[in-house]
Amino acid sequence: MSNDLVQAWHAAHAVTLRFLEAVPDEALADRYAPRTRTVAAQFMHIHYVRVKNLEGRGREFLGDLKPFEKGAEPSKAELVAALTASGEALTLLFENVAATGQVKSWSGSPPATFLAYHVAHEAHHRALASVAIRSGGHKLPKETLMDQWYTWRKGVEGV
């Protein structure tokens, strides 16, 4: 198995990080409706799902990663640090998958479905964050919104 999974993960992870980095600090508390996740909580959830998947399928790559405490209100820098760390841990898992051809306990599905799950999940939460940001009266740069589509063609150099 090639490193295509690793390269695809790098591209998807880079989009998530660039999106978060473009969010204005004051927009981290935005919501699209009462009692929904804030923008910050959308990214906390992405990190949470990464950690939980590593606990079940790649504990050896997890290190000391932990999800944020319930009710936490991390800064953008803390979110970036957490997502960077969980992204690197998933990179190690995908490198292992590239070598072994399988993801532990992924119901016999091919490894690409594990990657597809993470890509779709994170895109869903970036979309929710985008709606929350707009609902809060803030804007993201057009390049950030379009980056989600064009990263795949640009490649992932420097990620």
N, C-alpha and C. Protein backbone atom coordinates (compact mmCIF):
# COMPACT_ATOMS: atom_id res chain seq x y z
N MET A 1 0.85 -1.18 0.00
CA MET A 1 0.00 0.00 0.00
C MET A 1 0.89 1.24 0.00
N SER A 2 0.51 2.21 -0.82
CA SER A 2 1.34 3.42 -0.95
C SER A 2 1.05 4.41 0.17
N ASN A 3 1.76 5.51 0.11
CA ASN A 3 1.54 6.57 1.09
C ASN A 3 0.45 7.54 0.64
N ASP A 4 -0.40 7.12 -0.32
CA ASP A 4 -1.49 7.99 -0.77
C ASP A 4 -2.40 8.37 0.39
N LEU A 5 -2.65 7.45 1.31
CA LEU A 5 -3.50 7.76 2.46
C LEU A 5 -2.86 8.84 3.32
N VAL A 6 -1.57 8.75 3.50
CA VAL A 6 -0.85 9.74 4.31
C VAL A 6 -0.93 11.10 3.63
N GLN A 7 -0.68 11.15 2.33
CA GLN A 7 -0.73 12.42 1.61
C GLN A 7 -2.14 13.01 1.63
N ALA A 8 -3.15 12.17 1.45
CA ALA A 8 -4.53 12.66 1.50
C ALA A 8 -4.86 13.17 2.90
N TRP A 9 -4.40 12.47 3.93
CA TRP A 9 -4.64 12.94 5.30
C TRP A 9 -3.96 14.28 5.53
N HIS A 10 -2.73 14.45 5.05
CA HIS A 10 -2.03 15.72 5.21
C HIS A 10 -2.83 16.86 4.59
N ALA A 11 -3.39 16.62 3.40
CA ALA A 11 -4.18 17.66 2.73
C ALA A 11 -5.42 18.01 3.54
N ALA A 12 -6.14 17.01 4.01
CA ALA A 12 -7.37 17.24 4.77
C ALA A 12 -7.07 17.95 6.10
N HIS A 13 -6.04 17.49 6.77
CA HIS A 13 -5.65 18.09 8.05
C HIS A 13 -5.22 19.55 7.85
N ALA A 14 -4.49 19.81 6.77
CA ALA A 14 -4.04 21.17 6.48
C ALA A 14 -5.23 22.10 6.26
N VAL A 15 -6.26 21.63 5.60
CA VAL A 15 -7.45 22.46 5.38
C VAL A 15 -8.08 22.82 6.72
N THR A 16 -8.19 21.84 7.61
CA THR A 16 -8.79 22.10 8.92
C THR A 16 -7.97 23.14 9.68
N LEU A 17 -6.66 23.00 9.69
CA LEU A 17 -5.82 23.96 10.41
C LEU A 17 -5.88 25.35 9.80
N ARG A 18 -5.81 25.44 8.47
CA ARG A 18 -5.85 26.76 7.83
C ARG A 18 -7.20 27.43 8.08
N PHE A 19 -8.26 26.65 8.07
CA PHE A 19 -9.59 27.19 8.35
C PHE A 19 -9.61 27.79 9.75
N LEU A 20 -9.18 27.00 10.75
CA LEU A 20 -9.17 27.48 12.12
C LEU A 20 -8.30 28.73 12.27
N GLU A 21 -7.14 28.74 11.68
CA GLU A 21 -6.25 29.88 11.80
C GLU A 21 -6.85 31.15 11.21
N ALA A 22 -7.77 31.01 10.24
CA ALA A 22 -8.40 32.17 9.61
C ALA A 22 -9.59 32.70 10.41
N VAL A 23 -10.05 31.94 11.39
CA VAL A 23 -11.21 32.36 12.19
C VAL A 23 -10.79 33.54 13.08
N PRO A 24 -11.53 34.65 13.00
CA PRO A 24 -11.23 35.76 13.91
C PRO A 24 -11.43 35.30 15.36
N ASP A 25 -10.55 35.73 16.26
CA ASP A 25 -10.65 35.32 17.66
C ASP A 25 -12.03 35.59 18.24
N GLU A 26 -12.61 36.73 17.89
CA GLU A 26 -13.92 37.07 18.44
C GLU A 26 -15.04 36.16 17.91
N ALA A 27 -14.78 35.42 16.84
CA ALA A 27 -15.79 34.52 16.27
C ALA A 27 -15.79 33.14 16.92
N LEU A 28 -14.80 32.85 17.77
CA LEU A 28 -14.74 31.52 18.38
C LEU A 28 -15.96 31.22 19.25
N ALA A 29 -16.63 32.24 19.74
CA ALA A 29 -17.81 32.04 20.59
C ALA A 29 -19.12 32.06 19.80
N ASP A 30 -19.03 32.25 18.48
CA ASP A 30 -20.24 32.31 17.65
C ASP A 30 -20.94 30.96 17.59
N ARG A 31 -22.27 31.02 17.44
CA ARG A 31 -23.12 29.84 17.26
C ARG A 31 -24.10 30.14 16.13
N TYR A 32 -24.60 29.10 15.49
CA TYR A 32 -25.61 29.33 14.45
C TYR A 32 -27.02 29.28 15.01
N ALA A 33 -27.18 28.79 16.22
CA ALA A 33 -28.49 28.76 16.90
C ALA A 33 -28.21 28.57 18.39
N PRO A 34 -29.17 28.96 19.23
CA PRO A 34 -28.98 28.74 20.67
C PRO A 34 -28.77 27.24 20.96
N ARG A 35 -27.98 26.97 21.95
CA ARG A 35 -27.70 25.61 22.42
C ARG A 35 -27.01 24.72 21.38
N THR A 36 -26.35 25.33 20.40
CA THR A 36 -25.52 24.56 19.48
C THR A 36 -24.07 24.81 19.86
N ARG A 37 -23.17 24.03 19.29
CA ARG A 37 -21.75 24.21 19.59
C ARG A 37 -21.25 25.56 19.08
N THR A 38 -20.35 26.14 19.85
CA THR A 38 -19.66 27.33 19.38
C THR A 38 -18.65 26.92 18.32
N VAL A 39 -18.10 27.90 17.65
CA VAL A 39 -17.05 27.62 16.66
C VAL A 39 -15.90 26.89 17.35
N ALA A 40 -15.48 27.37 18.50
CA ALA A 40 -14.39 26.69 19.24
C ALA A 40 -14.78 25.25 19.56
N ALA A 41 -16.02 25.04 19.97
CA ALA A 41 -16.47 23.69 20.32
C ALA A 41 -16.51 22.77 19.11
N GLN A 42 -16.73 23.32 17.91
CA GLN A 42 -16.68 22.48 16.70
C GLN A 42 -15.27 21.90 16.54
N PHE A 43 -14.26 22.73 16.77
CA PHE A 43 -12.88 22.26 16.63
C PHE A 43 -12.47 21.37 17.80
N MET A 44 -13.01 21.65 18.99
CA MET A 44 -12.77 20.75 20.13
C MET A 44 -13.33 19.37 19.81
N HIS A 45 -14.49 19.33 19.17
CA HIS A 45 -15.12 18.05 18.81
C HIS A 45 -14.28 17.30 17.78
N ILE A 46 -13.75 18.00 16.80
CA ILE A 46 -12.88 17.35 15.81
C ILE A 46 -11.71 16.68 16.53
N HIS A 47 -11.09 17.41 17.44
CA HIS A 47 -9.96 16.85 18.20
C HIS A 47 -10.44 15.65 19.02
N TYR A 48 -11.59 15.77 19.66
CA TYR A 48 -12.16 14.68 20.46
C TYR A 48 -12.31 13.41 19.63
N VAL A 49 -12.89 13.53 18.45
CA VAL A 49 -13.11 12.35 17.60
C VAL A 49 -11.78 11.76 17.16
N ARG A 50 -10.81 12.59 16.85
CA ARG A 50 -9.48 12.07 16.50
C ARG A 50 -8.90 11.26 17.65
N VAL A 51 -8.96 11.82 18.86
CA VAL A 51 -8.41 11.14 20.04
C VAL A 51 -9.14 9.82 20.28
N LYS A 52 -10.46 9.83 20.23
CA LYS A 52 -11.24 8.61 20.48
C LYS A 52 -10.94 7.55 19.44
N ASN A 53 -10.76 7.93 18.18
CA ASN A 53 -10.41 6.96 17.16
C ASN A 53 -9.01 6.40 17.39
N LEU A 54 -8.12 7.23 17.84
CA LEU A 54 -6.77 6.75 18.16
C LEU A 54 -6.80 5.80 19.37
N GLU A 55 -7.63 6.10 20.36
CA GLU A 55 -7.74 5.20 21.51
C GLU A 55 -8.20 3.82 21.07
N GLY A 56 -9.09 3.75 20.11
CA GLY A 56 -9.62 2.47 19.67
C GLY A 56 -8.83 1.78 18.59
N ARG A 57 -8.05 2.53 17.83
CA ARG A 57 -7.41 1.94 16.67
C ARG A 57 -5.91 2.20 16.56
N GLY A 58 -5.37 2.98 17.46
CA GLY A 58 -3.95 3.29 17.36
C GLY A 58 -3.40 3.83 18.65
N ARG A 59 -3.74 3.17 19.74
CA ARG A 59 -3.30 3.65 21.06
C ARG A 59 -1.79 3.88 21.08
N GLU A 60 -1.03 3.09 20.34
CA GLU A 60 0.42 3.25 20.35
C GLU A 60 0.86 4.57 19.71
N PHE A 61 -0.04 5.22 18.96
CA PHE A 61 0.28 6.50 18.33
C PHE A 61 -0.29 7.68 19.12
N LEU A 62 -1.07 7.39 20.14
CA LEU A 62 -1.79 8.40 20.90
C LEU A 62 -0.90 9.27 21.77
N GLY A 63 0.14 8.67 22.34
CA GLY A 63 0.99 9.43 23.26
C GLY A 63 0.17 9.91 24.44
N ASP A 64 0.36 11.16 24.82
CA ASP A 64 -0.38 11.70 25.97
C ASP A 64 -1.55 12.59 25.55
N LEU A 65 -2.01 12.42 24.31
CA LEU A 65 -3.14 13.22 23.84
C LEU A 65 -4.40 12.91 24.63
N LYS A 66 -5.13 13.96 24.93
CA LYS A 66 -6.40 13.82 25.63
C LYS A 66 -7.37 14.83 25.01
N PRO A 67 -8.65 14.52 25.07
CA PRO A 67 -9.62 15.53 24.62
C PRO A 67 -9.69 16.68 25.62
N PHE A 68 -10.24 17.78 25.19
CA PHE A 68 -10.45 18.90 26.10
C PHE A 68 -11.49 18.50 27.14
N GLU A 69 -11.39 19.09 28.32
CA GLU A 69 -12.39 18.86 29.37
C GLU A 69 -13.73 19.42 28.92
N LYS A 70 -14.79 18.77 29.33
CA LYS A 70 -16.12 19.27 29.02
C LYS A 70 -16.27 20.68 29.57
N GLY A 71 -16.81 21.58 28.76
CA GLY A 71 -16.99 22.96 29.18
C GLY A 71 -15.77 23.84 29.00
N ALA A 72 -14.67 23.27 28.50
CA ALA A 72 -13.45 24.06 28.29
C ALA A 72 -13.71 25.16 27.26
N GLU A 73 -12.97 26.23 27.37
CA GLU A 73 -13.04 27.32 26.42
C GLU A 73 -11.61 27.66 25.97
N PRO A 74 -11.05 26.78 25.15
CA PRO A 74 -9.66 26.99 24.74
C PRO A 74 -9.50 28.17 23.79
N SER A 75 -8.32 28.73 23.80
CA SER A 75 -7.97 29.79 22.86
C SER A 75 -7.71 29.17 21.49
N LYS A 76 -7.61 30.02 20.49
CA LYS A 76 -7.29 29.52 19.16
C LYS A 76 -5.93 28.81 19.18
N ALA A 77 -4.96 29.38 19.89
CA ALA A 77 -3.63 28.77 19.96
C ALA A 77 -3.71 27.37 20.58
N GLU A 78 -4.52 27.21 21.61
CA GLU A 78 -4.68 25.89 22.24
C GLU A 78 -5.36 24.90 21.29
N LEU A 79 -6.34 25.38 20.54
CA LEU A 79 -7.01 24.52 19.56
C LEU A 79 -6.04 24.10 18.46
N VAL A 80 -5.27 25.05 17.96
CA VAL A 80 -4.29 24.74 16.92
C VAL A 80 -3.28 23.72 17.43
N ALA A 81 -2.79 23.91 18.65
CA ALA A 81 -1.82 22.97 19.22
C ALA A 81 -2.42 21.57 19.36
N ALA A 82 -3.65 21.50 19.85
CA ALA A 82 -4.29 20.19 20.04
C ALA A 82 -4.53 19.51 18.69
N LEU A 83 -5.04 20.26 17.72
CA LEU A 83 -5.30 19.67 16.40
C LEU A 83 -4.00 19.28 15.69
N THR A 84 -2.98 20.07 15.89
CA THR A 84 -1.67 19.72 15.30
C THR A 84 -1.17 18.41 15.89
N ALA A 85 -1.27 18.27 17.20
CA ALA A 85 -0.80 17.04 17.86
C ALA A 85 -1.64 15.83 17.44
N SER A 86 -2.97 15.98 17.41
CA SER A 86 -3.80 14.83 17.02
C SER A 86 -3.65 14.54 15.53
N GLY A 87 -3.39 15.58 14.74
CA GLY A 87 -3.13 15.37 13.32
C GLY A 87 -1.83 14.59 13.09
N GLU A 88 -0.82 14.91 13.88
CA GLU A 88 0.45 14.18 13.77
C GLU A 88 0.29 12.73 14.22
N ALA A 89 -0.51 12.52 15.26
CA ALA A 89 -0.74 11.14 15.72
C ALA A 89 -1.49 10.34 14.66
N LEU A 90 -2.46 10.96 14.02
CA LEU A 90 -3.16 10.26 12.94
C LEU A 90 -2.25 10.03 11.74
N THR A 91 -1.31 10.95 11.51
CA THR A 91 -0.32 10.71 10.44
C THR A 91 0.45 9.43 10.73
N LEU A 92 0.87 9.24 11.98
CA LEU A 92 1.59 8.01 12.34
C LEU A 92 0.71 6.78 12.11
N LEU A 93 -0.55 6.90 12.47
CA LEU A 93 -1.47 5.78 12.24
C LEU A 93 -1.58 5.50 10.75
N PHE A 94 -1.76 6.54 9.93
CA PHE A 94 -1.88 6.32 8.48
C PHE A 94 -0.58 5.80 7.87
N GLU A 95 0.56 6.19 8.42
CA GLU A 95 1.82 5.61 7.95
C GLU A 95 1.86 4.12 8.26
N ASN A 96 1.38 3.74 9.43
CA ASN A 96 1.30 2.33 9.79
C ASN A 96 0.32 1.58 8.88
N VAL A 97 -0.79 2.22 8.61
CA VAL A 97 -1.79 1.62 7.71
C VAL A 97 -1.19 1.41 6.33
N ALA A 98 -0.40 2.40 5.86
CA ALA A 98 0.23 2.26 4.56
C ALA A 98 1.17 1.06 4.52
N ALA A 99 1.79 0.76 5.65
CA ALA A 99 2.72 -0.37 5.73
C ALA A 99 1.98 -1.71 5.90
N THR A 100 0.91 -1.70 6.68
CA THR A 100 0.22 -2.96 7.01
C THR A 100 -1.01 -3.24 6.15
N GLY A 101 -1.61 -2.19 5.59
CA GLY A 101 -2.79 -2.36 4.76
C GLY A 101 -4.09 -2.50 5.53
N GLN A 102 -4.06 -2.22 6.83
CA GLN A 102 -5.30 -2.35 7.60
C GLN A 102 -5.37 -1.36 8.75
N VAL A 103 -6.61 -1.08 9.15
CA VAL A 103 -6.86 -0.26 10.32
C VAL A 103 -7.50 -1.17 11.35
N LYS A 104 -6.92 -1.23 12.53
CA LYS A 104 -7.43 -2.09 13.60
C LYS A 104 -8.90 -1.79 13.88
N SER A 105 -9.70 -2.83 13.92
CA SER A 105 -11.11 -2.75 14.31
C SER A 105 -11.92 -1.77 13.49
N TRP A 106 -11.69 -1.70 12.19
CA TRP A 106 -12.50 -0.84 11.34
C TRP A 106 -13.46 -1.70 10.52
N SER A 107 -14.02 -2.70 11.17
CA SER A 107 -15.08 -3.56 10.63
C SER A 107 -14.74 -4.20 9.29
N GLY A 108 -13.49 -4.47 9.06
CA GLY A 108 -13.09 -5.13 7.82
C GLY A 108 -13.14 -4.24 6.60
N SER A 109 -13.50 -2.98 6.77
CA SER A 109 -13.55 -2.06 5.64
C SER A 109 -12.14 -1.68 5.23
N PRO A 110 -11.96 -1.29 3.97
CA PRO A 110 -10.62 -0.88 3.55
C PRO A 110 -10.17 0.38 4.29
N PRO A 111 -8.87 0.56 4.43
CA PRO A 111 -8.33 1.73 5.14
C PRO A 111 -8.82 3.06 4.58
N ALA A 112 -9.09 3.11 3.29
CA ALA A 112 -9.55 4.37 2.69
C ALA A 112 -10.87 4.84 3.32
N THR A 113 -11.69 3.91 3.80
CA THR A 113 -12.95 4.32 4.42
C THR A 113 -12.70 5.02 5.77
N PHE A 114 -11.66 4.62 6.45
CA PHE A 114 -11.28 5.28 7.71
C PHE A 114 -10.86 6.72 7.43
N LEU A 115 -10.06 6.91 6.40
CA LEU A 115 -9.66 8.24 5.98
C LEU A 115 -10.88 9.04 5.54
N ALA A 116 -11.74 8.44 4.73
CA ALA A 116 -12.93 9.13 4.23
C ALA A 116 -13.82 9.58 5.39
N TYR A 117 -13.93 8.75 6.40
CA TYR A 117 -14.72 9.13 7.57
C TYR A 117 -14.18 10.42 8.18
N HIS A 118 -12.86 10.48 8.41
CA HIS A 118 -12.27 11.68 9.03
C HIS A 118 -12.41 12.90 8.13
N VAL A 119 -12.19 12.73 6.84
CA VAL A 119 -12.32 13.86 5.91
C VAL A 119 -13.74 14.40 5.93
N ALA A 120 -14.73 13.51 5.84
CA ALA A 120 -16.13 13.94 5.82
C ALA A 120 -16.54 14.56 7.15
N HIS A 121 -16.12 13.94 8.23
CA HIS A 121 -16.46 14.45 9.56
C HIS A 121 -15.93 15.86 9.77
N GLU A 122 -14.68 16.07 9.42
CA GLU A 122 -14.08 17.38 9.63
C GLU A 122 -14.68 18.43 8.69
N ALA A 123 -14.99 18.04 7.46
CA ALA A 123 -15.63 18.98 6.53
C ALA A 123 -17.00 19.40 7.06
N HIS A 124 -17.73 18.45 7.61
CA HIS A 124 -19.04 18.74 8.20
C HIS A 124 -18.93 19.78 9.32
N HIS A 125 -17.96 19.61 10.20
CA HIS A 125 -17.81 20.54 11.32
C HIS A 125 -17.23 21.88 10.89
N ARG A 126 -16.40 21.90 9.86
CA ARG A 126 -15.95 23.19 9.32
C ARG A 126 -17.14 23.94 8.73
N ALA A 127 -18.04 23.22 8.07
CA ALA A 127 -19.24 23.87 7.51
C ALA A 127 -20.11 24.44 8.62
N LEU A 128 -20.30 23.67 9.70
CA LEU A 128 -21.08 24.19 10.82
C LEU A 128 -20.41 25.43 11.43
N ALA A 129 -19.09 25.39 11.53
CA ALA A 129 -18.35 26.55 12.05
C ALA A 129 -18.53 27.75 11.12
N SER A 130 -18.50 27.51 9.83
CA SER A 130 -18.67 28.58 8.85
C SER A 130 -20.04 29.24 9.00
N VAL A 131 -21.08 28.42 9.16
CA VAL A 131 -22.44 28.96 9.35
C VAL A 131 -22.51 29.74 10.65
N ALA A 132 -21.90 29.23 11.70
CA ALA A 132 -21.90 29.93 12.99
C ALA A 132 -21.19 31.27 12.88
N ILE A 133 -20.08 31.30 12.16
CA ILE A 133 -19.32 32.54 12.00
C ILE A 133 -20.17 33.58 11.27
N ARG A 134 -20.82 33.17 10.21
CA ARG A 134 -21.71 34.08 9.47
C ARG A 134 -22.87 34.54 10.34
N SER A 135 -23.45 33.60 11.08
CA SER A 135 -24.58 33.94 11.95
C SER A 135 -24.17 34.93 13.02
N GLY A 136 -22.92 34.86 13.44
CA GLY A 136 -22.40 35.78 14.45
C GLY A 136 -21.99 37.13 13.89
N GLY A 137 -22.17 37.31 12.58
CA GLY A 137 -21.85 38.59 11.97
C GLY A 137 -20.39 38.75 11.59
N HIS A 138 -19.64 37.66 11.60
CA HIS A 138 -18.24 37.70 11.22
C HIS A 138 -18.07 37.11 9.83
N LYS A 139 -16.89 37.32 9.27
CA LYS A 139 -16.61 36.79 7.94
C LYS A 139 -15.27 36.08 7.93
N LEU A 140 -15.18 35.12 7.06
CA LEU A 140 -13.91 34.47 6.77
C LEU A 140 -13.43 34.97 5.41
N PRO A 141 -12.12 35.03 5.22
CA PRO A 141 -11.63 35.42 3.90
C PRO A 141 -12.13 34.42 2.83
N LYS A 142 -12.44 34.94 1.67
CA LYS A 142 -12.92 34.08 0.57
C LYS A 142 -11.91 32.96 0.28
N GLU A 143 -10.63 33.28 0.39
CA GLU A 143 -9.59 32.28 0.12
C GLU A 143 -9.71 31.09 1.08
N THR A 144 -10.10 31.37 2.32
CA THR A 144 -10.25 30.29 3.30
C THR A 144 -11.38 29.37 2.91
N LEU A 145 -12.48 29.94 2.48
CA LEU A 145 -13.62 29.13 2.08
C LEU A 145 -13.30 28.32 0.82
N MET A 146 -12.62 28.94 -0.12
CA MET A 146 -12.28 28.24 -1.37
C MET A 146 -11.14 27.24 -1.18
N ASP A 147 -10.31 27.46 -0.17
CA ASP A 147 -9.17 26.58 0.10
C ASP A 147 -9.63 25.14 0.30
N GLN A 148 -10.80 24.97 0.87
CA GLN A 148 -11.31 23.63 1.12
C GLN A 148 -11.44 22.84 -0.18
N TRP A 149 -11.67 23.53 -1.29
CA TRP A 149 -11.85 22.85 -2.57
C TRP A 149 -10.56 22.77 -3.37
N TYR A 150 -9.72 23.79 -3.26
CA TYR A 150 -8.56 23.85 -4.14
C TYR A 150 -7.29 23.23 -3.56
N THR A 151 -7.27 22.94 -2.27
CA THR A 151 -6.09 22.30 -1.67
C THR A 151 -5.77 21.00 -2.40
N TRP A 152 -6.80 20.28 -2.78
CA TRP A 152 -6.59 18.98 -3.42
C TRP A 152 -5.83 19.12 -4.72
N ARG A 153 -6.03 20.23 -5.43
CA ARG A 153 -5.32 20.43 -6.68
C ARG A 153 -3.95 21.05 -6.46
N LYS A 154 -3.81 21.87 -5.41
CA LYS A 154 -2.54 22.56 -5.15
C LYS A 154 -1.48 21.61 -4.62
N GLY A 155 -1.90 20.53 -3.97
CA GLY A 155 -0.96 19.67 -3.30
C GLY A 155 -0.78 20.10 -1.87
N VAL A 156 0.08 19.42 -1.16
CA VAL A 156 0.22 19.67 0.26
C VAL A 156 1.66 19.99 0.66
N GLU A 157 2.40 20.60 -0.26
CA GLU A 157 3.77 20.96 0.07
C GLU A 157 3.77 21.88 1.29
N GLY A 158 4.68 21.67 2.16
CA GLY A 158 4.84 22.53 3.32
C GLY A 158 3.87 22.22 4.46
N VAL A 159 3.12 21.16 4.33
CA VAL A 159 2.15 20.81 5.38
C VAL A 159 2.85 20.00 6.44
